[in-house]
Structure formats: C-alpha cells, structure tokens
Amino acid sequence: MPRKKTTNLFEESLAELEQLVEQMEQGELSLEDSLKSFERGVALTRTCQKALQEAEQKVQILLEKNGTQTLEPFTDE
C-alpha cells in the first residue's frame, strides 16, 4: 500500500474513531446503536494499529539499511 494511502487511511480511521467516542460519551445512543458503534470502533482501532505497525517496520528497515541501528526507548514526558 503506498505511503500516502496508508497515511490517509490512518487519519480517516482515527477521525472516525474520535467521532464515535464523542457520540458514545454523550450517552444518547440506544443500546443497539452503542453496540454497533463499539464494533465499528474496534475495527477502526485495528486498522490504526496495523498502519502504525507498518510504519514501525518501515522505520526499522530504513535503520537497518543504513547499517546503524540505534533505537532508544520512547519516554512520554
């Protein structure tokens, strides 16, 4: 999948997921609609995770091609 397509898919999925969360947090959906939204949210989360994994693999490959693999742990400060 080309980079731009993957990026767009990730961004669109994340935006839709954020909208679903907002709707569910309002508490005005029926149980059936809430379950459908939850199911859609799970699918969107998996799509986002897959795109992130692919990006991580690409970074790993690029680092290995340069012959220097100096990955450092990410710290969220």
PDB file of N, CA and C in Angstrom:
ATOM      1  N   MET A   1       0.842  -1.165   0.000  1.00  0.00           N
ATOM      2  CA  MET A   1       0.000   0.000   0.000  1.00  0.00           C
ATOM      3  C   MET A   1       0.897   1.240   0.000  1.00  0.00           C
ATOM      4  N   PRO A   2       0.694   2.198  -0.904  1.00  0.00           N
ATOM      5  CA  PRO A   2       1.518   3.393  -0.962  1.00  0.00           C
ATOM      6  C   PRO A   2       1.417   4.199   0.326  1.00  0.00           C
ATOM      7  N   ARG A   3       2.487   4.942   0.614  1.00  0.00           N
ATOM      8  CA  ARG A   3       2.578   5.684   1.866  1.00  0.00           C
ATOM      9  C   ARG A   3       1.416   6.649   2.056  1.00  0.00           C
ATOM     10  N   LYS A   4       1.103   7.431   1.027  1.00  0.00           N
ATOM     11  CA  LYS A   4       0.046   8.431   1.154  1.00  0.00           C
ATOM     12  C   LYS A   4      -1.302   7.776   1.457  1.00  0.00           C
ATOM     13  N   LYS A   5      -1.569   6.649   0.821  1.00  0.00           N
ATOM     14  CA  LYS A   5      -2.825   5.942   1.042  1.00  0.00           C
ATOM     15  C   LYS A   5      -2.901   5.429   2.483  1.00  0.00           C
ATOM     16  N   THR A   6      -1.791   4.890   2.979  1.00  0.00           N
ATOM     17  CA  THR A   6      -1.749   4.396   4.351  1.00  0.00           C
ATOM     18  C   THR A   6      -1.958   5.536   5.331  1.00  0.00           C
ATOM     19  N   THR A   7      -1.301   6.666   5.082  1.00  0.00           N
ATOM     20  CA  THR A   7      -1.435   7.828   5.955  1.00  0.00           C
ATOM     21  C   THR A   7      -2.871   8.323   5.966  1.00  0.00           C
ATOM     22  N   ASN A   8      -3.478   8.442   4.797  1.00  0.00           N
ATOM     23  CA  ASN A   8      -4.869   8.894   4.716  1.00  0.00           C
ATOM     24  C   ASN A   8      -5.802   7.930   5.421  1.00  0.00           C
ATOM     25  N   LEU A   9      -5.583   6.641   5.231  1.00  0.00           N
ATOM     26  CA  LEU A   9      -6.421   5.627   5.875  1.00  0.00           C
ATOM     27  C   LEU A   9      -6.313   5.754   7.390  1.00  0.00           C
ATOM     28  N   PHE A  10      -5.096   5.927   7.889  1.00  0.00           N
ATOM     29  CA  PHE A  10      -4.898   6.067   9.324  1.00  0.00           C
ATOM     30  C   PHE A  10      -5.619   7.308   9.849  1.00  0.00           C
ATOM     31  N   GLU A  11      -5.402   8.432   9.182  1.00  0.00           N
ATOM     32  CA  GLU A  11      -6.001   9.689   9.643  1.00  0.00           C
ATOM     33  C   GLU A  11      -7.525   9.660   9.579  1.00  0.00           C
ATOM     34  N   GLU A  12      -8.068   9.084   8.512  1.00  0.00           N
ATOM     35  CA  GLU A  12      -9.518   8.990   8.388  1.00  0.00           C
ATOM     36  C   GLU A  12     -10.097   8.050   9.444  1.00  0.00           C
ATOM     37  N   SER A  13      -9.431   6.942   9.677  1.00  0.00           N
ATOM     38  CA  SER A  13      -9.895   5.988  10.680  1.00  0.00           C
ATOM     39  C   SER A  13      -9.851   6.600  12.070  1.00  0.00           C
ATOM     40  N   LEU A  14      -8.780   7.308  12.366  1.00  0.00           N
ATOM     41  CA  LEU A  14      -8.649   7.940  13.673  1.00  0.00           C
ATOM     42  C   LEU A  14      -9.712   9.010  13.871  1.00  0.00           C
ATOM     43  N   ALA A  15      -9.980   9.800  12.844  1.00  0.00           N
ATOM     44  CA  ALA A  15     -11.008  10.841  12.935  1.00  0.00           C
ATOM     45  C   ALA A  15     -12.384  10.213  13.169  1.00  0.00           C
ATOM     46  N   GLU A  16     -12.686   9.150  12.441  1.00  0.00           N
ATOM     47  CA  GLU A  16     -13.979   8.480  12.632  1.00  0.00           C
ATOM     48  C   GLU A  16     -14.075   7.876  14.025  1.00  0.00           C
ATOM     49  N   LEU A  17     -12.983   7.310  14.495  1.00  0.00           N
ATOM     50  CA  LEU A  17     -12.966   6.736  15.838  1.00  0.00           C
ATOM     51  C   LEU A  17     -13.220   7.811  16.891  1.00  0.00           C
ATOM     52  N   GLU A  18     -12.612   8.965  16.723  1.00  0.00           N
ATOM     53  CA  GLU A  18     -12.834  10.071  17.663  1.00  0.00           C
ATOM     54  C   GLU A  18     -14.303  10.505  17.668  1.00  0.00           C
ATOM     55  N   GLN A  19     -14.920  10.541  16.490  1.00  0.00           N
ATOM     56  CA  GLN A  19     -16.340  10.909  16.408  1.00  0.00           C
ATOM     57  C   GLN A  19     -17.217   9.879  17.114  1.00  0.00           C
ATOM     58  N   LEU A  20     -16.898   8.605  16.912  1.00  0.00           N
ATOM     59  CA  LEU A  20     -17.672   7.548  17.576  1.00  0.00           C
ATOM     60  C   LEU A  20     -17.581   7.671  19.097  1.00  0.00           C
ATOM     61  N   VAL A  21     -16.378   7.935  19.585  1.00  0.00           N
ATOM     62  CA  VAL A  21     -16.180   8.067  21.032  1.00  0.00           C
ATOM     63  C   VAL A  21     -17.002   9.237  21.564  1.00  0.00           C
ATOM     64  N   GLU A  22     -16.975  10.356  20.857  1.00  0.00           N
ATOM     65  CA  GLU A  22     -17.754  11.526  21.289  1.00  0.00           C
ATOM     66  C   GLU A  22     -19.246  11.193  21.355  1.00  0.00           C
ATOM     67  N   GLN A  23     -19.745  10.511  20.318  1.00  0.00           N
ATOM     68  CA  GLN A  23     -21.163  10.149  20.299  1.00  0.00           C
ATOM     69  C   GLN A  23     -21.513   9.226  21.457  1.00  0.00           C
ATOM     70  N   MET A  24     -20.652   8.258  21.710  1.00  0.00           N
ATOM     71  CA  MET A  24     -20.924   7.302  22.778  1.00  0.00           C
ATOM     72  C   MET A  24     -20.833   7.964  24.151  1.00  0.00           C
ATOM     73  N   GLU A  25     -19.914   8.904  24.302  1.00  0.00           N
ATOM     74  CA  GLU A  25     -19.771   9.588  25.581  1.00  0.00           C
ATOM     75  C   GLU A  25     -20.977  10.451  25.917  1.00  0.00           C
ATOM     76  N   GLN A  26     -21.690  10.911  24.909  1.00  0.00           N
ATOM     77  CA  GLN A  26     -22.889  11.721  25.156  1.00  0.00           C
ATOM     78  C   GLN A  26     -24.004  10.901  25.793  1.00  0.00           C
ATOM     79  N   GLY A  27     -23.961   9.589  25.594  1.00  0.00           N
ATOM     80  CA  GLY A  27     -24.925   8.706  26.240  1.00  0.00           C
ATOM     81  C   GLY A  27     -26.319   8.744  25.670  1.00  0.00           C
ATOM     82  N   GLU A  28     -26.469   9.240  24.453  1.00  0.00           N
ATOM     83  CA  GLU A  28     -27.801   9.355  23.864  1.00  0.00           C
ATOM     84  C   GLU A  28     -28.113   8.257  22.852  1.00  0.00           C
ATOM     85  N   LEU A  29     -27.183   7.337  22.643  1.00  0.00           N
ATOM     86  CA  LEU A  29     -27.409   6.248  21.692  1.00  0.00           C
ATOM     87  C   LEU A  29     -28.169   5.115  22.363  1.00  0.00           C
ATOM     88  N   SER A  30     -28.961   4.432  21.567  1.00  0.00           N
ATOM     89  CA  SER A  30     -29.650   3.245  22.089  1.00  0.00           C
ATOM     90  C   SER A  30     -28.604   2.154  22.318  1.00  0.00           C
ATOM     91  N   LEU A  31     -29.004   1.139  23.013  1.00  0.00           N
ATOM     92  CA  LEU A  31     -28.084   0.025  23.268  1.00  0.00           C
ATOM     93  C   LEU A  31     -27.612  -0.593  21.950  1.00  0.00           C
ATOM     94  N   GLU A  32     -28.541  -0.784  21.032  1.00  0.00           N
ATOM     95  CA  GLU A  32     -28.198  -1.375  19.739  1.00  0.00           C
ATOM     96  C   GLU A  32     -27.206  -0.490  18.977  1.00  0.00           C
ATOM     97  N   ASP A  33     -27.457   0.814  18.952  1.00  0.00           N
ATOM     98  CA  ASP A  33     -26.555   1.734  18.263  1.00  0.00           C
ATOM     99  C   ASP A  33     -25.202   1.801  18.964  1.00  0.00           C
ATOM    100  N   SER A  34     -25.210   1.722  20.280  1.00  0.00           N
ATOM    101  CA  SER A  34     -23.960   1.723  21.039  1.00  0.00           C
ATOM    102  C   SER A  34     -23.121   0.497  20.700  1.00  0.00           C
ATOM    103  N   LEU A  35     -23.767  -0.647  20.597  1.00  0.00           N
ATOM    104  CA  LEU A  35     -23.046  -1.875  20.252  1.00  0.00           C
ATOM    105  C   LEU A  35     -22.478  -1.803  18.835  1.00  0.00           C
ATOM    106  N   LYS A  36     -23.256  -1.251  17.909  1.00  0.00           N
ATOM    107  CA  LYS A  36     -22.767  -1.087  16.538  1.00  0.00           C
ATOM    108  C   LYS A  36     -21.580  -0.130  16.503  1.00  0.00           C
ATOM    109  N   SER A  37     -21.670   0.948  17.262  1.00  0.00           N
ATOM    110  CA  SER A  37     -20.580   1.918  17.318  1.00  0.00           C
ATOM    111  C   SER A  37     -19.333   1.293  17.942  1.00  0.00           C
ATOM    112  N   PHE A  38     -19.547   0.506  18.987  1.00  0.00           N
ATOM    113  CA  PHE A  38     -18.425  -0.166  19.629  1.00  0.00           C
ATOM    114  C   PHE A  38     -17.742  -1.120  18.659  1.00  0.00           C
ATOM    115  N   GLU A  39     -18.540  -1.890  17.938  1.00  0.00           N
ATOM    116  CA  GLU A  39     -17.997  -2.837  16.964  1.00  0.00           C
ATOM    117  C   GLU A  39     -17.200  -2.098  15.873  1.00  0.00           C
ATOM    118  N   ARG A  40     -17.742  -1.002  15.391  1.00  0.00           N
ATOM    119  CA  ARG A  40     -17.044  -0.196  14.387  1.00  0.00           C
ATOM    120  C   ARG A  40     -15.746   0.383  14.971  1.00  0.00           C
ATOM    121  N   GLY A  41     -15.811   0.798  16.223  1.00  0.00           N
ATOM    122  CA  GLY A  41     -14.633   1.340  16.888  1.00  0.00           C
ATOM    123  C   GLY A  41     -13.516   0.318  17.008  1.00  0.00           C
ATOM    124  N   VAL A  42     -13.872  -0.914  17.303  1.00  0.00           N
ATOM    125  CA  VAL A  42     -12.874  -1.986  17.387  1.00  0.00           C
ATOM    126  C   VAL A  42     -12.210  -2.185  16.023  1.00  0.00           C
ATOM    127  N   ALA A  43     -13.008  -2.189  14.958  1.00  0.00           N
ATOM    128  CA  ALA A  43     -12.457  -2.349  13.611  1.00  0.00           C
ATOM    129  C   ALA A  43     -11.532  -1.182  13.257  1.00  0.00           C
ATOM    130  N   LEU A  44     -11.932   0.025  13.605  1.00  0.00           N
ATOM    131  CA  LEU A  44     -11.102   1.198  13.318  1.00  0.00           C
ATOM    132  C   LEU A  44      -9.805   1.160  14.115  1.00  0.00           C
ATOM    133  N   THR A  45      -9.887   0.717  15.358  1.00  0.00           N
ATOM    134  CA  THR A  45      -8.691   0.604  16.189  1.00  0.00           C
ATOM    135  C   THR A  45      -7.707  -0.382  15.572  1.00  0.00           C
ATOM    136  N   ARG A  46      -8.211  -1.486  15.088  1.00  0.00           N
ATOM    137  CA  ARG A  46      -7.335  -2.482  14.444  1.00  0.00           C
ATOM    138  C   ARG A  46      -6.697  -1.915  13.181  1.00  0.00           C
ATOM    139  N   THR A  47      -7.452  -1.141  12.419  1.00  0.00           N
ATOM    140  CA  THR A  47      -6.911  -0.506  11.219  1.00  0.00           C
ATOM    141  C   THR A  47      -5.775   0.449  11.588  1.00  0.00           C
ATOM    142  N   CYS A  48      -5.986   1.241  12.622  1.00  0.00           N
ATOM    143  CA  CYS A  48      -4.957   2.186  13.065  1.00  0.00           C
ATOM    144  C   CYS A  48      -3.725   1.451  13.583  1.00  0.00           C
ATOM    145  N   GLN A  49      -3.927   0.401  14.351  1.00  0.00           N
ATOM    146  CA  GLN A  49      -2.804  -0.370  14.875  1.00  0.00           C
ATOM    147  C   GLN A  49      -1.984  -0.986  13.748  1.00  0.00           C
ATOM    148  N   LYS A  50      -2.668  -1.493  12.736  1.00  0.00           N
ATOM    149  CA  LYS A  50      -1.970  -2.096  11.600  1.00  0.00           C
ATOM    150  C   LYS A  50      -1.136  -1.045  10.858  1.00  0.00           C
ATOM    151  N   ALA A  51      -1.702   0.136  10.656  1.00  0.00           N
ATOM    152  CA  ALA A  51      -0.962   1.209   9.977  1.00  0.00           C
ATOM    153  C   ALA A  51       0.259   1.621  10.788  1.00  0.00           C
ATOM    154  N   LEU A  52       0.123   1.687  12.092  1.00  0.00           N
ATOM    155  CA  LEU A  52       1.255   2.041  12.948  1.00  0.00           C
ATOM    156  C   LEU A  52       2.334   0.962  12.934  1.00  0.00           C
ATOM    157  N   GLN A  53       1.933  -0.292  12.913  1.00  0.00           N
ATOM    158  CA  GLN A  53       2.893  -1.389  12.846  1.00  0.00           C
ATOM    159  C   GLN A  53       3.666  -1.353  11.535  1.00  0.00           C
ATOM    160  N   GLU A  54       2.956  -1.056  10.445  1.00  0.00           N
ATOM    161  CA  GLU A  54       3.613  -0.968   9.143  1.00  0.00           C
ATOM    162  C   GLU A  54       4.619   0.176   9.123  1.00  0.00           C
ATOM    163  N   ALA A  55       4.261   1.295   9.722  1.00  0.00           N
ATOM    164  CA  ALA A  55       5.170   2.437   9.786  1.00  0.00           C
ATOM    165  C   ALA A  55       6.406   2.083  10.618  1.00  0.00           C
ATOM    166  N   GLU A  56       6.196   1.390  11.714  1.00  0.00           N
ATOM    167  CA  GLU A  56       7.314   0.979  12.563  1.00  0.00           C
ATOM    168  C   GLU A  56       8.248   0.035  11.807  1.00  0.00           C
ATOM    169  N   GLN A  57       7.695  -0.884  11.036  1.00  0.00           N
ATOM    170  CA  GLN A  57       8.503  -1.810  10.256  1.00  0.00           C
ATOM    171  C   GLN A  57       9.327  -1.063   9.210  1.00  0.00           C
ATOM    172  N   LYS A  58       8.733  -0.055   8.586  1.00  0.00           N
ATOM    173  CA  LYS A  58       9.452   0.733   7.591  1.00  0.00           C
ATOM    174  C   LYS A  58      10.622   1.475   8.215  1.00  0.00           C
ATOM    175  N   VAL A  59      10.403   2.030   9.393  1.00  0.00           N
ATOM    176  CA  VAL A  59      11.487   2.717  10.101  1.00  0.00           C
ATOM    177  C   VAL A  59      12.590   1.729  10.439  1.00  0.00           C
ATOM    178  N   GLN A  60      12.218   0.566  10.902  1.00  0.00           N
ATOM    179  CA  GLN A  60      13.185  -0.478  11.245  1.00  0.00           C
ATOM    180  C   GLN A  60      14.025  -0.855  10.025  1.00  0.00           C
ATOM    181  N   ILE A  61      13.380  -1.026   8.886  1.00  0.00           N
ATOM    182  CA  ILE A  61      14.079  -1.385   7.649  1.00  0.00           C
ATOM    183  C   ILE A  61      15.040  -0.276   7.240  1.00  0.00           C
ATOM    184  N   LEU A  62      14.591   0.967   7.321  1.00  0.00           N
ATOM    185  CA  LEU A  62      15.450   2.089   6.963  1.00  0.00           C
ATOM    186  C   LEU A  62      16.671   2.172   7.873  1.00  0.00           C
ATOM    187  N   LEU A  63      16.483   1.934   9.151  1.00  0.00           N
ATOM    188  CA  LEU A  63      17.611   1.959  10.076  1.00  0.00           C
ATOM    189  C   LEU A  63      18.599   0.839   9.775  1.00  0.00           C
ATOM    190  N   GLU A  64      18.087  -0.328   9.443  1.00  0.00           N
ATOM    191  CA  GLU A  64      18.955  -1.458   9.132  1.00  0.00           C
ATOM    192  C   GLU A  64      19.718  -1.238   7.830  1.00  0.00           C
ATOM    193  N   LYS A  65      19.109  -0.564   6.865  1.00  0.00           N
ATOM    194  CA  LYS A  65      19.777  -0.287   5.598  1.00  0.00           C
ATOM    195  C   LYS A  65      20.965   0.650   5.792  1.00  0.00           C
ATOM    196  N   ASN A  66      20.849   1.555   6.736  1.00  0.00           N
ATOM    197  CA  ASN A  66      21.941   2.493   6.983  1.00  0.00           C
ATOM    198  C   ASN A  66      23.053   1.863   7.815  1.00  0.00           C
ATOM    199  N   GLY A  67      22.851   0.654   8.272  1.00  0.00           N
ATOM    200  CA  GLY A  67      23.888  -0.057   8.998  1.00  0.00           C
ATOM    201  C   GLY A  67      24.021   0.351  10.458  1.00  0.00           C
ATOM    202  N   THR A  68      23.264   1.290  10.882  1.00  0.00           N
ATOM    203  CA  THR A  68      23.320   1.695  12.285  1.00  0.00           C
ATOM    204  C   THR A  68      21.935   1.618  12.878  1.00  0.00           C
ATOM    205  N   GLN A  69      21.796   0.725  13.781  1.00  0.00           N
ATOM    206  CA  GLN A  69      20.500   0.552  14.428  1.00  0.00           C
ATOM    207  C   GLN A  69      20.637   1.025  15.863  1.00  0.00           C
ATOM    208  N   THR A  70      20.284   2.264  16.092  1.00  0.00           N
ATOM    209  CA  THR A  70      20.409   2.835  17.429  1.00  0.00           C
ATOM    210  C   THR A  70      19.024   3.277  17.916  1.00  0.00           C
ATOM    211  N   LEU A  71      18.199   2.328  18.189  1.00  0.00           N
ATOM    212  CA  LEU A  71      16.862   2.631  18.705  1.00  0.00           C
ATOM    213  C   LEU A  71      16.954   2.889  20.195  1.00  0.00           C
ATOM    214  N   GLU A  72      16.255   3.887  20.650  1.00  0.00           N
ATOM    215  CA  GLU A  72      16.198   4.204  22.070  1.00  0.00           C
ATOM    216  C   GLU A  72      14.759   4.104  22.528  1.00  0.00           C
ATOM    217  N   PRO A  73      14.542   3.706  23.764  1.00  0.00           N
ATOM    218  CA  PRO A  73      13.169   3.613  24.253  1.00  0.00           C
ATOM    219  C   PRO A  73      12.498   4.974  24.248  1.00  0.00           C
ATOM    220  N   PHE A  74      11.235   4.977  23.919  1.00  0.00           N
ATOM    221  CA  PHE A  74      10.450   6.207  23.916  1.00  0.00           C
ATOM    222  C   PHE A  74       9.973   6.475  25.325  1.00  0.00           C
ATOM    223  N   THR A  75      10.193   7.680  25.787  1.00  0.00           N
ATOM    224  CA  THR A  75       9.676   8.063  27.093  1.00  0.00           C
ATOM    225  C   THR A  75       8.708   9.204  26.922  1.00  0.00           C
ATOM    226  N   ASP A  76       7.535   9.033  27.421  1.00  0.00           N
ATOM    227  CA  ASP A  76       6.491  10.054  27.314  1.00  0.00           C
ATOM    228  C   ASP A  76       6.597  10.981  28.499  1.00  0.00           C
ATOM    229  N   GLU A  77       7.118  12.149  28.258  1.00  0.00           N
ATOM    230  CA  GLU A  77       7.341  13.092  29.359  1.00  0.00           C
ATOM    231  C   GLU A  77       6.297  14.144  29.403  1.00  0.00           C
TER     232      GLU A  77
END
